[in-house]
Amino acid sequence: MKEIKAFIRPEKLNEVAKSLKKDQFCCFTVFEGEGVGDYSDEDTQFPSLKFPFLHNKIVKIEIVCNKEDVDKVIDTIRTHARTGERGDGLIYVSNVDSRIRIRDGERKG
């Protein structure tokens, strides 16, 4: 199994989420955050009251999938998160050794 973490623009979340669900990737987690990176649009990005030194609003999507689905998930995210401008985001792929369901302890991997 693989874990995919995608950091995207908040305004692209609905499009990405709808496309993942349409492609049968129903189960993922979304986090809202702020970060510091090479990209900062001074006209649209401002420090928040909570984090005065962080400038970029981001959304992180986390999804665990089978190894054979990685390219499809990445393609879906890239296609629907892309604006062609700096700051479109990043995607990371990591190995997942096992999955344990909390309810009954079932293990996979």
PDB file of N, CA and C in Angstrom:
ATOM      1  N   MET A   1       0.840  -1.178   0.000  1.00  0.00           N
ATOM      2  CA  MET A   1       0.000   0.000   0.000  1.00  0.00           C
ATOM      3  C   MET A   1       0.886   1.243   0.000  1.00  0.00           C
ATOM      4  N   LYS A   2       0.308   2.343  -0.475  1.00  0.00           N
ATOM      5  CA  LYS A   2       1.012   3.617  -0.556  1.00  0.00           C
ATOM      6  C   LYS A   2       0.153   4.718   0.075  1.00  0.00           C
ATOM      7  N   GLU A   3       0.835   5.694   0.661  1.00  0.00           N
ATOM      8  CA  GLU A   3       0.148   6.870   1.164  1.00  0.00           C
ATOM      9  C   GLU A   3       0.532   8.042   0.279  1.00  0.00           C
ATOM     10  N   ILE A   4      -0.465   8.767  -0.169  1.00  0.00           N
ATOM     11  CA  ILE A   4      -0.246   9.947  -0.990  1.00  0.00           C
ATOM     12  C   ILE A   4      -0.675  11.158  -0.191  1.00  0.00           C
ATOM     13  N   LYS A   5       0.226  12.131  -0.079  1.00  0.00           N
ATOM     14  CA  LYS A   5      -0.069  13.406   0.573  1.00  0.00           C
ATOM     15  C   LYS A   5       0.060  14.479  -0.499  1.00  0.00           C
ATOM     16  N   ALA A   6      -0.996  15.230  -0.679  1.00  0.00           N
ATOM     17  CA  ALA A   6      -0.994  16.298  -1.676  1.00  0.00           C
ATOM     18  C   ALA A   6      -1.292  17.618  -0.990  1.00  0.00           C
ATOM     19  N   PHE A   7      -0.442  18.601  -1.222  1.00  0.00           N
ATOM     20  CA  PHE A   7      -0.628  19.947  -0.693  1.00  0.00           C
ATOM     21  C   PHE A   7      -1.078  20.812  -1.873  1.00  0.00           C
ATOM     22  N   ILE A   8      -2.324  21.310  -1.800  1.00  0.00           N
ATOM     23  CA  ILE A   8      -2.908  22.026  -2.936  1.00  0.00           C
ATOM     24  C   ILE A   8      -3.504  23.357  -2.489  1.00  0.00           C
ATOM     25  N   ARG A   9      -3.906  24.161  -3.463  1.00  0.00           N
ATOM     26  CA  ARG A   9      -4.588  25.420  -3.192  1.00  0.00           C
ATOM     27  C   ARG A   9      -5.993  25.124  -2.646  1.00  0.00           C
ATOM     28  N   PRO A  10      -6.440  25.852  -1.624  1.00  0.00           N
ATOM     29  CA  PRO A  10      -7.771  25.603  -1.059  1.00  0.00           C
ATOM     30  C   PRO A  10      -8.900  25.710  -2.081  1.00  0.00           C
ATOM     31  N   GLU A  11      -8.776  26.626  -3.022  1.00  0.00           N
ATOM     32  CA  GLU A  11      -9.851  26.823  -3.998  1.00  0.00           C
ATOM     33  C   GLU A  11      -9.963  25.671  -4.996  1.00  0.00           C
ATOM     34  N   LYS A  12      -8.994  24.758  -5.012  1.00  0.00           N
ATOM     35  CA  LYS A  12      -9.038  23.613  -5.916  1.00  0.00           C
ATOM     36  C   LYS A  12      -9.555  22.340  -5.235  1.00  0.00           C
ATOM     37  N   LEU A  13      -9.808  22.410  -3.933  1.00  0.00           N
ATOM     38  CA  LEU A  13     -10.198  21.215  -3.180  1.00  0.00           C
ATOM     39  C   LEU A  13     -11.466  20.565  -3.717  1.00  0.00           C
ATOM     40  N   ASN A  14     -12.526  21.324  -3.929  1.00  0.00           N
ATOM     41  CA  ASN A  14     -13.787  20.716  -4.371  1.00  0.00           C
ATOM     42  C   ASN A  14     -13.628  19.983  -5.698  1.00  0.00           C
ATOM     43  N   GLU A  15     -12.908  20.585  -6.615  1.00  0.00           N
ATOM     44  CA  GLU A  15     -12.691  19.945  -7.919  1.00  0.00           C
ATOM     45  C   GLU A  15     -11.893  18.656  -7.773  1.00  0.00           C
ATOM     46  N   VAL A  16     -10.840  18.696  -6.964  1.00  0.00           N
ATOM     47  CA  VAL A  16     -10.017  17.502  -6.747  1.00  0.00           C
ATOM     48  C   VAL A  16     -10.828  16.418  -6.051  1.00  0.00           C
ATOM     49  N   ALA A  17     -11.552  16.786  -4.986  1.00  0.00           N
ATOM     50  CA  ALA A  17     -12.330  15.807  -4.219  1.00  0.00           C
ATOM     51  C   ALA A  17     -13.405  15.145  -5.085  1.00  0.00           C
ATOM     52  N   LYS A  18     -14.119  15.925  -5.856  1.00  0.00           N
ATOM     53  CA  LYS A  18     -15.149  15.362  -6.746  1.00  0.00           C
ATOM     54  C   LYS A  18     -14.537  14.398  -7.752  1.00  0.00           C
ATOM     55  N   SER A  19     -13.375  14.752  -8.274  1.00  0.00           N
ATOM     56  CA  SER A  19     -12.723  13.898  -9.270  1.00  0.00           C
ATOM     57  C   SER A  19     -12.200  12.604  -8.661  1.00  0.00           C
ATOM     58  N   LEU A  20     -11.642  12.685  -7.447  1.00  0.00           N
ATOM     59  CA  LEU A  20     -11.198  11.465  -6.768  1.00  0.00           C
ATOM     60  C   LEU A  20     -12.382  10.534  -6.525  1.00  0.00           C
ATOM     61  N   LYS A  21     -13.496  11.077  -6.057  1.00  0.00           N
ATOM     62  CA  LYS A  21     -14.685  10.252  -5.805  1.00  0.00           C
ATOM     63  C   LYS A  21     -15.218   9.657  -7.117  1.00  0.00           C
ATOM     64  N   LYS A  22     -15.232  10.460  -8.168  1.00  0.00           N
ATOM     65  CA  LYS A  22     -15.697   9.982  -9.478  1.00  0.00           C
ATOM     66  C   LYS A  22     -14.836   8.827  -9.970  1.00  0.00           C
ATOM     67  N   ASP A  23     -13.527   8.880  -9.666  1.00  0.00           N
ATOM     68  CA  ASP A  23     -12.600   7.830 -10.069  1.00  0.00           C
ATOM     69  C   ASP A  23     -12.553   6.667  -9.068  1.00  0.00           C
ATOM     70  N   GLN A  24     -13.549   6.615  -8.167  1.00  0.00           N
ATOM     71  CA  GLN A  24     -13.710   5.517  -7.199  1.00  0.00           C
ATOM     72  C   GLN A  24     -12.696   5.537  -6.056  1.00  0.00           C
ATOM     73  N   PHE A  25     -12.087   6.690  -5.786  1.00  0.00           N
ATOM     74  CA  PHE A  25     -11.226   6.847  -4.615  1.00  0.00           C
ATOM     75  C   PHE A  25     -12.025   7.636  -3.580  1.00  0.00           C
ATOM     76  N   CYS A  26     -12.844   6.899  -2.841  1.00  0.00           N
ATOM     77  CA  CYS A  26     -13.844   7.537  -1.993  1.00  0.00           C
ATOM     78  C   CYS A  26     -13.320   8.001  -0.651  1.00  0.00           C
ATOM     79  N   CYS A  27     -12.235   7.419  -0.194  1.00  0.00           N
ATOM     80  CA  CYS A  27     -11.861   7.603   1.198  1.00  0.00           C
ATOM     81  C   CYS A  27     -10.528   8.340   1.313  1.00  0.00           C
ATOM     82  N   PHE A  28     -10.593   9.577   1.782  1.00  0.00           N
ATOM     83  CA  PHE A  28      -9.395  10.376   1.992  1.00  0.00           C
ATOM     84  C   PHE A  28      -9.671  11.384   3.095  1.00  0.00           C
ATOM     85  N   THR A  29      -8.604  11.975   3.594  1.00  0.00           N
ATOM     86  CA  THR A  29      -8.706  12.943   4.674  1.00  0.00           C
ATOM     87  C   THR A  29      -8.201  14.286   4.172  1.00  0.00           C
ATOM     88  N   VAL A  30      -8.829  15.357   4.653  1.00  0.00           N
ATOM     89  CA  VAL A  30      -8.463  16.705   4.242  1.00  0.00           C
ATOM     90  C   VAL A  30      -8.140  17.536   5.475  1.00  0.00           C
ATOM     91  N   PHE A  31      -7.031  18.254   5.410  1.00  0.00           N
ATOM     92  CA  PHE A  31      -6.615  19.154   6.483  1.00  0.00           C
ATOM     93  C   PHE A  31      -6.429  20.549   5.900  1.00  0.00           C
ATOM     94  N   GLU A  32      -6.817  21.556   6.668  1.00  0.00           N
ATOM     95  CA  GLU A  32      -6.591  22.937   6.279  1.00  0.00           C
ATOM     96  C   GLU A  32      -5.375  23.448   7.038  1.00  0.00           C
ATOM     97  N   GLY A  33      -4.515  24.197   6.369  1.00  0.00           N
ATOM     98  CA  GLY A  33      -3.330  24.671   7.054  1.00  0.00           C
ATOM     99  C   GLY A  33      -2.733  25.903   6.413  1.00  0.00           C
ATOM    100  N   GLU A  34      -1.608  26.303   6.961  1.00  0.00           N
ATOM    101  CA  GLU A  34      -0.838  27.421   6.447  1.00  0.00           C
ATOM    102  C   GLU A  34       0.621  27.003   6.415  1.00  0.00           C
ATOM    103  N   GLY A  35       1.367  27.553   5.491  1.00  0.00           N
ATOM    104  CA  GLY A  35       2.757  27.165   5.399  1.00  0.00           C
ATOM    105  C   GLY A  35       3.640  28.263   4.854  1.00  0.00           C
ATOM    106  N   VAL A  36       4.907  27.990   4.885  1.00  0.00           N
ATOM    107  CA  VAL A  36       5.907  28.893   4.331  1.00  0.00           C
ATOM    108  C   VAL A  36       6.625  28.134   3.226  1.00  0.00           C
ATOM    109  N   GLY A  37       6.732  28.742   2.069  1.00  0.00           N
ATOM    110  CA  GLY A  37       7.411  28.088   0.965  1.00  0.00           C
ATOM    111  C   GLY A  37       8.040  29.118   0.055  1.00  0.00           C
ATOM    112  N   ASP A  38       8.512  28.652  -1.078  1.00  0.00           N
ATOM    113  CA  ASP A  38       9.128  29.546  -2.050  1.00  0.00           C
ATOM    114  C   ASP A  38       8.100  30.459  -2.702  1.00  0.00           C
ATOM    115  N   TYR A  39       6.841  30.024  -2.702  1.00  0.00           N
ATOM    116  CA  TYR A  39       5.792  30.777  -3.365  1.00  0.00           C
ATOM    117  C   TYR A  39       5.045  31.643  -2.356  1.00  0.00           C
ATOM    118  N   SER A  40       4.808  32.856  -2.687  1.00  0.00           N
ATOM    119  CA  SER A  40       3.952  33.733  -1.893  1.00  0.00           C
ATOM    120  C   SER A  40       3.423  34.817  -2.817  1.00  0.00           C
ATOM    121  N   ASP A  41       2.115  34.902  -2.943  1.00  0.00           N
ATOM    122  CA  ASP A  41       1.471  35.902  -3.779  1.00  0.00           C
ATOM    123  C   ASP A  41       1.070  37.062  -2.884  1.00  0.00           C
ATOM    124  N   GLU A  42       1.805  38.145  -2.939  1.00  0.00           N
ATOM    125  CA  GLU A  42       1.588  39.266  -2.034  1.00  0.00           C
ATOM    126  C   GLU A  42       0.229  39.921  -2.225  1.00  0.00           C
ATOM    127  N   ASP A  43      -0.402  39.729  -3.382  1.00  0.00           N
ATOM    128  CA  ASP A  43      -1.710  40.335  -3.627  1.00  0.00           C
ATOM    129  C   ASP A  43      -2.851  39.543  -3.020  1.00  0.00           C
ATOM    130  N   THR A  44      -2.661  38.234  -2.816  1.00  0.00           N
ATOM    131  CA  THR A  44      -3.761  37.405  -2.325  1.00  0.00           C
ATOM    132  C   THR A  44      -3.455  36.671  -1.029  1.00  0.00           C
ATOM    133  N   GLN A  45      -2.208  36.557  -0.644  1.00  0.00           N
ATOM    134  CA  GLN A  45      -1.821  35.795   0.535  1.00  0.00           C
ATOM    135  C   GLN A  45      -1.331  36.743   1.627  1.00  0.00           C
ATOM    136  N   PHE A  46      -1.961  36.657   2.780  1.00  0.00           N
ATOM    137  CA  PHE A  46      -1.593  37.511   3.905  1.00  0.00           C
ATOM    138  C   PHE A  46      -1.407  36.661   5.143  1.00  0.00           C
ATOM    139  N   PRO A  47      -0.530  37.078   6.049  1.00  0.00           N
ATOM    140  CA  PRO A  47      -0.390  36.340   7.312  1.00  0.00           C
ATOM    141  C   PRO A  47      -1.727  36.318   8.051  1.00  0.00           C
ATOM    142  N   SER A  48      -1.991  35.246   8.776  1.00  0.00           N
ATOM    143  CA  SER A  48      -3.221  35.160   9.552  1.00  0.00           C
ATOM    144  C   SER A  48      -2.954  35.644  10.973  1.00  0.00           C
ATOM    145  N   LEU A  49      -4.015  35.825  11.717  1.00  0.00           N
ATOM    146  CA  LEU A  49      -3.868  36.224  13.111  1.00  0.00           C
ATOM    147  C   LEU A  49      -3.283  35.097  13.949  1.00  0.00           C
ATOM    148  N   LYS A  50      -3.602  33.847  13.600  1.00  0.00           N
ATOM    149  CA  LYS A  50      -3.080  32.700  14.342  1.00  0.00           C
ATOM    150  C   LYS A  50      -1.602  32.473  14.083  1.00  0.00           C
ATOM    151  N   PHE A  51      -1.197  32.641  12.841  1.00  0.00           N
ATOM    152  CA  PHE A  51       0.176  32.349  12.434  1.00  0.00           C
ATOM    153  C   PHE A  51       0.731  33.540  11.649  1.00  0.00           C
ATOM    154  N   PRO A  52       1.190  34.581  12.326  1.00  0.00           N
ATOM    155  CA  PRO A  52       1.562  35.808  11.623  1.00  0.00           C
ATOM    156  C   PRO A  52       2.744  35.685  10.675  1.00  0.00           C
ATOM    157  N   PHE A  53       3.537  34.623  10.759  1.00  0.00           N
ATOM    158  CA  PHE A  53       4.696  34.497   9.883  1.00  0.00           C
ATOM    159  C   PHE A  53       4.470  33.525   8.732  1.00  0.00           C
ATOM    160  N   LEU A  54       3.318  32.891   8.715  1.00  0.00           N
ATOM    161  CA  LEU A  54       3.018  31.944   7.650  1.00  0.00           C
ATOM    162  C   LEU A  54       2.123  32.626   6.620  1.00  0.00           C
ATOM    163  N   HIS A  55       2.411  32.408   5.357  1.00  0.00           N
ATOM    164  CA  HIS A  55       1.731  33.185   4.335  1.00  0.00           C
ATOM    165  C   HIS A  55       0.816  32.393   3.415  1.00  0.00           C
ATOM    166  N   ASN A  56       1.082  31.145   3.185  1.00  0.00           N
ATOM    167  CA  ASN A  56       0.336  30.405   2.179  1.00  0.00           C
ATOM    168  C   ASN A  56      -0.742  29.537   2.807  1.00  0.00           C
ATOM    169  N   LYS A  57      -1.970  29.760   2.412  1.00  0.00           N
ATOM    170  CA  LYS A  57      -3.072  28.893   2.822  1.00  0.00           C
ATOM    171  C   LYS A  57      -2.966  27.631   1.970  1.00  0.00           C
ATOM    172  N   ILE A  58      -3.071  26.473   2.600  1.00  0.00           N
ATOM    173  CA  ILE A  58      -2.978  25.213   1.863  1.00  0.00           C
ATOM    174  C   ILE A  58      -4.027  24.241   2.375  1.00  0.00           C
ATOM    175  N   VAL A  59      -4.296  23.239   1.574  1.00  0.00           N
ATOM    176  CA  VAL A  59      -5.108  22.102   1.964  1.00  0.00           C
ATOM    177  C   VAL A  59      -4.246  20.872   1.733  1.00  0.00           C
ATOM    178  N   LYS A  60      -4.237  19.968   2.708  1.00  0.00           N
ATOM    179  CA  LYS A  60      -3.502  18.710   2.541  1.00  0.00           C
ATOM    180  C   LYS A  60      -4.514  17.579   2.420  1.00  0.00           C
ATOM    181  N   ILE A  61      -4.365  16.799   1.379  1.00  0.00           N
ATOM    182  CA  ILE A  61      -5.192  15.615   1.167  1.00  0.00           C
ATOM    183  C   ILE A  61      -4.311  14.407   1.445  1.00  0.00           C
ATOM    184  N   GLU A  62      -4.802  13.486   2.272  1.00  0.00           N
ATOM    185  CA  GLU A  62      -4.089  12.238   2.518  1.00  0.00           C
ATOM    186  C   GLU A  62      -4.981  11.087   2.071  1.00  0.00           C
ATOM    187  N   ILE A  63      -4.395  10.188   1.296  1.00  0.00           N
ATOM    188  CA  ILE A  63      -5.140   9.027   0.808  1.00  0.00           C
ATOM    189  C   ILE A  63      -4.201   7.823   0.783  1.00  0.00           C
ATOM    190  N   VAL A  64      -4.692   6.687   1.245  1.00  0.00           N
ATOM    191  CA  VAL A  64      -3.939   5.431   1.183  1.00  0.00           C
ATOM    192  C   VAL A  64      -4.597   4.579   0.103  1.00  0.00           C
ATOM    193  N   CYS A  65      -3.769   4.032  -0.783  1.00  0.00           N
ATOM    194  CA  CYS A  65      -4.306   3.245  -1.887  1.00  0.00           C
ATOM    195  C   CYS A  65      -3.376   2.084  -2.202  1.00  0.00           C
ATOM    196  N   ASN A  66      -3.847   1.211  -3.057  1.00  0.00           N
ATOM    197  CA  ASN A  66      -3.014   0.112  -3.538  1.00  0.00           C
ATOM    198  C   ASN A  66      -1.925   0.665  -4.453  1.00  0.00           C
ATOM    199  N   LYS A  67      -0.806  -0.026  -4.486  1.00  0.00           N
ATOM    200  CA  LYS A  67       0.351   0.406  -5.290  1.00  0.00           C
ATOM    201  C   LYS A  67      -0.036   0.648  -6.747  1.00  0.00           C
ATOM    202  N   GLU A  68      -0.888  -0.207  -7.290  1.00  0.00           N
ATOM    203  CA  GLU A  68      -1.259  -0.087  -8.703  1.00  0.00           C
ATOM    204  C   GLU A  68      -2.160   1.122  -8.987  1.00  0.00           C
ATOM    205  N   ASP A  69      -2.706   1.763  -7.948  1.00  0.00           N
ATOM    206  CA  ASP A  69      -3.572   2.930  -8.131  1.00  0.00           C
ATOM    207  C   ASP A  69      -2.837   4.261  -7.983  1.00  0.00           C
ATOM    208  N   VAL A  70      -1.572   4.226  -7.607  1.00  0.00           N
ATOM    209  CA  VAL A  70      -0.822   5.460  -7.315  1.00  0.00           C
ATOM    210  C   VAL A  70      -0.812   6.412  -8.502  1.00  0.00           C
ATOM    211  N   ASP A  71      -0.468   5.935  -9.674  1.00  0.00           N
ATOM    212  CA  ASP A  71      -0.378   6.817 -10.839  1.00  0.00           C
ATOM    213  C   ASP A  71      -1.723   7.463 -11.166  1.00  0.00           C
ATOM    214  N   LYS A  72      -2.807   6.714 -11.025  1.00  0.00           N
ATOM    215  CA  LYS A  72      -4.141   7.256 -11.309  1.00  0.00           C
ATOM    216  C   LYS A  72      -4.505   8.345 -10.298  1.00  0.00           C
ATOM    217  N   VAL A  73      -4.223   8.114  -9.012  1.00  0.00           N
ATOM    218  CA  VAL A  73      -4.521   9.117  -7.987  1.00  0.00           C
ATOM    219  C   VAL A  73      -3.695  10.375  -8.243  1.00  0.00           C
ATOM    220  N   ILE A  74      -2.414  10.213  -8.519  1.00  0.00           N
ATOM    221  CA  ILE A  74      -1.546  11.361  -8.786  1.00  0.00           C
ATOM    222  C   ILE A  74      -2.039  12.131 -10.009  1.00  0.00           C
ATOM    223  N   ASP A  75      -2.383  11.422 -11.058  1.00  0.00           N
ATOM    224  CA  ASP A  75      -2.868  12.064 -12.278  1.00  0.00           C
ATOM    225  C   ASP A  75      -4.149  12.850 -12.006  1.00  0.00           C
ATOM    226  N   THR A  76      -5.052  12.266 -11.238  1.00  0.00           N
ATOM    227  CA  THR A  76      -6.311  12.947 -10.904  1.00  0.00           C
ATOM    228  C   THR A  76      -6.046  14.224 -10.116  1.00  0.00           C
ATOM    229  N   ILE A  77      -5.186  14.135  -9.123  1.00  0.00           N
ATOM    230  CA  ILE A  77      -4.875  15.318  -8.315  1.00  0.00           C
ATOM    231  C   ILE A  77      -4.192  16.379  -9.171  1.00  0.00           C
ATOM    232  N   ARG A  78      -3.185  15.994  -9.933  1.00  0.00           N
ATOM    233  CA  ARG A  78      -2.456  16.969 -10.768  1.00  0.00           C
ATOM    234  C   ARG A  78      -3.372  17.645 -11.779  1.00  0.00           C
ATOM    235  N   THR A  79      -4.219  16.866 -12.417  1.00  0.00           N
ATOM    236  CA  THR A  79      -5.105  17.413 -13.438  1.00  0.00           C
ATOM    237  C   THR A  79      -6.049  18.463 -12.858  1.00  0.00           C
ATOM    238  N   HIS A  80      -6.593  18.188 -11.682  1.00  0.00           N
ATOM    239  CA  HIS A  80      -7.638  19.048 -11.137  1.00  0.00           C
ATOM    240  C   HIS A  80      -7.142  20.083 -10.136  1.00  0.00           C
ATOM    241  N   ALA A  81      -5.895  19.980  -9.693  1.00  0.00           N
ATOM    242  CA  ALA A  81      -5.343  20.975  -8.766  1.00  0.00           C
ATOM    243  C   ALA A  81      -4.493  22.010  -9.481  1.00  0.00           C
ATOM    244  N   ARG A  82      -4.155  21.754 -10.715  1.00  0.00           N
ATOM    245  CA  ARG A  82      -3.205  22.588 -11.449  1.00  0.00           C
ATOM    246  C   ARG A  82      -3.847  23.875 -11.966  1.00  0.00           C
ATOM    247  N   THR A  83      -3.149  24.995 -11.738  1.00  0.00           N
ATOM    248  CA  THR A  83      -3.527  26.265 -12.356  1.00  0.00           C
ATOM    249  C   THR A  83      -2.470  26.699 -13.360  1.00  0.00           C
ATOM    250  N   GLY A  84      -1.275  26.110 -13.260  1.00  0.00           N
ATOM    251  CA  GLY A  84      -0.170  26.496 -14.120  1.00  0.00           C
ATOM    252  C   GLY A  84       0.680  27.606 -13.529  1.00  0.00           C
ATOM    253  N   GLU A  85       0.320  28.048 -12.337  1.00  0.00           N
ATOM    254  CA  GLU A  85       1.053  29.118 -11.663  1.00  0.00           C
ATOM    255  C   GLU A  85       1.917  28.543 -10.551  1.00  0.00           C
ATOM    256  N   ARG A  86       2.925  29.299 -10.117  1.00  0.00           N
ATOM    257  CA  ARG A  86       3.725  28.896  -8.957  1.00  0.00           C
ATOM    258  C   ARG A  86       2.805  28.744  -7.764  1.00  0.00           C
ATOM    259  N   GLY A  87       3.100  27.767  -6.925  1.00  0.00           N
ATOM    260  CA  GLY A  87       2.300  27.565  -5.726  1.00  0.00           C
ATOM    261  C   GLY A  87       1.149  26.597  -5.902  1.00  0.00           C
ATOM    262  N   ASP A  88       1.123  25.868  -7.016  1.00  0.00           N
ATOM    263  CA  ASP A  88       0.057  24.879  -7.215  1.00  0.00           C
ATOM    264  C   ASP A  88       0.132  23.741  -6.210  1.00  0.00           C
ATOM    265  N   GLY A  89       1.300  23.471  -5.651  1.00  0.00           N
ATOM    266  CA  GLY A  89       1.402  22.462  -4.607  1.00  0.00           C
ATOM    267  C   GLY A  89       2.404  21.371  -4.903  1.00  0.00           C
ATOM    268  N   LEU A  90       2.383  20.387  -4.019  1.00  0.00           N
ATOM    269  CA  LEU A  90       3.308  19.253  -4.088  1.00  0.00           C
ATOM    270  C   LEU A  90       2.561  17.968  -3.762  1.00  0.00           C
ATOM    271  N   ILE A  91       3.084  16.856  -4.265  1.00  0.00           N
ATOM    272  CA  ILE A  91       2.539  15.532  -3.956  1.00  0.00           C
ATOM    273  C   ILE A  91       3.691  14.662  -3.473  1.00  0.00           C
ATOM    274  N   TYR A  92       3.466  13.959  -2.359  1.00  0.00           N
ATOM    275  CA  TYR A  92       4.448  13.023  -1.816  1.00  0.00           C
ATOM    276  C   TYR A  92       3.831  11.637  -1.782  1.00  0.00           C
ATOM    277  N   VAL A  93       4.641  10.613  -2.062  1.00  0.00           N
ATOM    278  CA  VAL A  93       4.189   9.229  -1.997  1.00  0.00           C
ATOM    279  C   VAL A  93       5.110   8.471  -1.045  1.00  0.00           C
ATOM    280  N   SER A  94       4.505   7.749  -0.094  1.00  0.00           N
ATOM    281  CA  SER A  94       5.260   6.978   0.905  1.00  0.00           C
ATOM    282  C   SER A  94       4.731   5.561   0.970  1.00  0.00           C
ATOM    283  N   ASN A  95       5.563   4.661   1.471  1.00  0.00           N
ATOM    284  CA  ASN A  95       5.138   3.281   1.697  1.00  0.00           C
ATOM    285  C   ASN A  95       4.297   3.183   2.966  1.00  0.00           C
ATOM    286  N   VAL A  96       3.320   2.278   2.952  1.00  0.00           N
ATOM    287  CA  VAL A  96       2.524   1.950   4.133  1.00  0.00           C
ATOM    288  C   VAL A  96       2.742   0.467   4.396  1.00  0.00           C
ATOM    289  N   ASP A  97       3.298   0.152   5.555  1.00  0.00           N
ATOM    290  CA  ASP A  97       3.608  -1.236   5.883  1.00  0.00           C
ATOM    291  C   ASP A  97       2.371  -2.047   6.244  1.00  0.00           C
ATOM    292  N   SER A  98       1.442  -1.442   6.963  1.00  0.00           N
ATOM    293  CA  SER A  98       0.235  -2.173   7.341  1.00  0.00           C
ATOM    294  C   SER A  98      -0.874  -1.211   7.714  1.00  0.00           C
ATOM    295  N   ARG A  99      -2.091  -1.766   7.744  1.00  0.00           N
ATOM    296  CA  ARG A  99      -3.269  -1.030   8.139  1.00  0.00           C
ATOM    297  C   ARG A  99      -3.993  -1.850   9.197  1.00  0.00           C
ATOM    298  N   ILE A 100      -4.319  -1.228  10.311  1.00  0.00           N
ATOM    299  CA  ILE A 100      -5.029  -1.913  11.390  1.00  0.00           C
ATOM    300  C   ILE A 100      -6.326  -1.165  11.648  1.00  0.00           C
ATOM    301  N   ARG A 101      -7.446  -1.868  11.500  1.00  0.00           N
ATOM    302  CA  ARG A 101      -8.735  -1.238  11.766  1.00  0.00           C
ATOM    303  C   ARG A 101      -8.937  -1.206  13.266  1.00  0.00           C
ATOM    304  N   ILE A 102      -9.249  -0.033  13.809  1.00  0.00           N
ATOM    305  CA  ILE A 102      -9.415   0.146  15.255  1.00  0.00           C
ATOM    306  C   ILE A 102     -10.583  -0.678  15.799  1.00  0.00           C
ATOM    307  N   ARG A 103     -11.687  -0.712  15.083  1.00  0.00           N
ATOM    308  CA  ARG A 103     -12.893  -1.372  15.564  1.00  0.00           C
ATOM    309  C   ARG A 103     -12.677  -2.833  15.927  1.00  0.00           C
ATOM    310  N   ASP A 104     -12.042  -3.596  15.041  1.00  0.00           N
ATOM    311  CA  ASP A 104     -11.918  -5.034  15.270  1.00  0.00           C
ATOM    312  C   ASP A 104     -10.489  -5.580  15.188  1.00  0.00           C
ATOM    313  N   GLY A 105      -9.517  -4.698  14.954  1.00  0.00           N
ATOM    314  CA  GLY A 105      -8.128  -5.135  14.907  1.00  0.00           C
ATOM    315  C   GLY A 105      -7.707  -5.797  13.616  1.00  0.00           C
ATOM    316  N   GLU A 106      -8.573  -5.817  12.603  1.00  0.00           N
ATOM    317  CA  GLU A 106      -8.217  -6.446  11.332  1.00  0.00           C
ATOM    318  C   GLU A 106      -6.977  -5.782  10.753  1.00  0.00           C
ATOM    319  N   ARG A 107      -6.048  -6.628  10.289  1.00  0.00           N
ATOM    320  CA  ARG A 107      -4.788  -6.137   9.720  1.00  0.00           C
ATOM    321  C   ARG A 107      -4.704  -6.452   8.250  1.00  0.00           C
ATOM    322  N   LYS A 108      -4.108  -5.514   7.511  1.00  0.00           N
ATOM    323  CA  LYS A 108      -3.786  -5.727   6.099  1.00  0.00           C
ATOM    324  C   LYS A 108      -2.364  -5.264   5.903  1.00  0.00           C
ATOM    325  N   GLY A 109      -1.637  -6.008   5.106  1.00  0.00           N
ATOM    326  CA  GLY A 109      -0.264  -5.620   4.805  1.00  0.00           C
ATOM    327  C   GLY A 109       0.749  -6.310   5.663  1.00  0.00           C
TER     328      GLY A 109
END
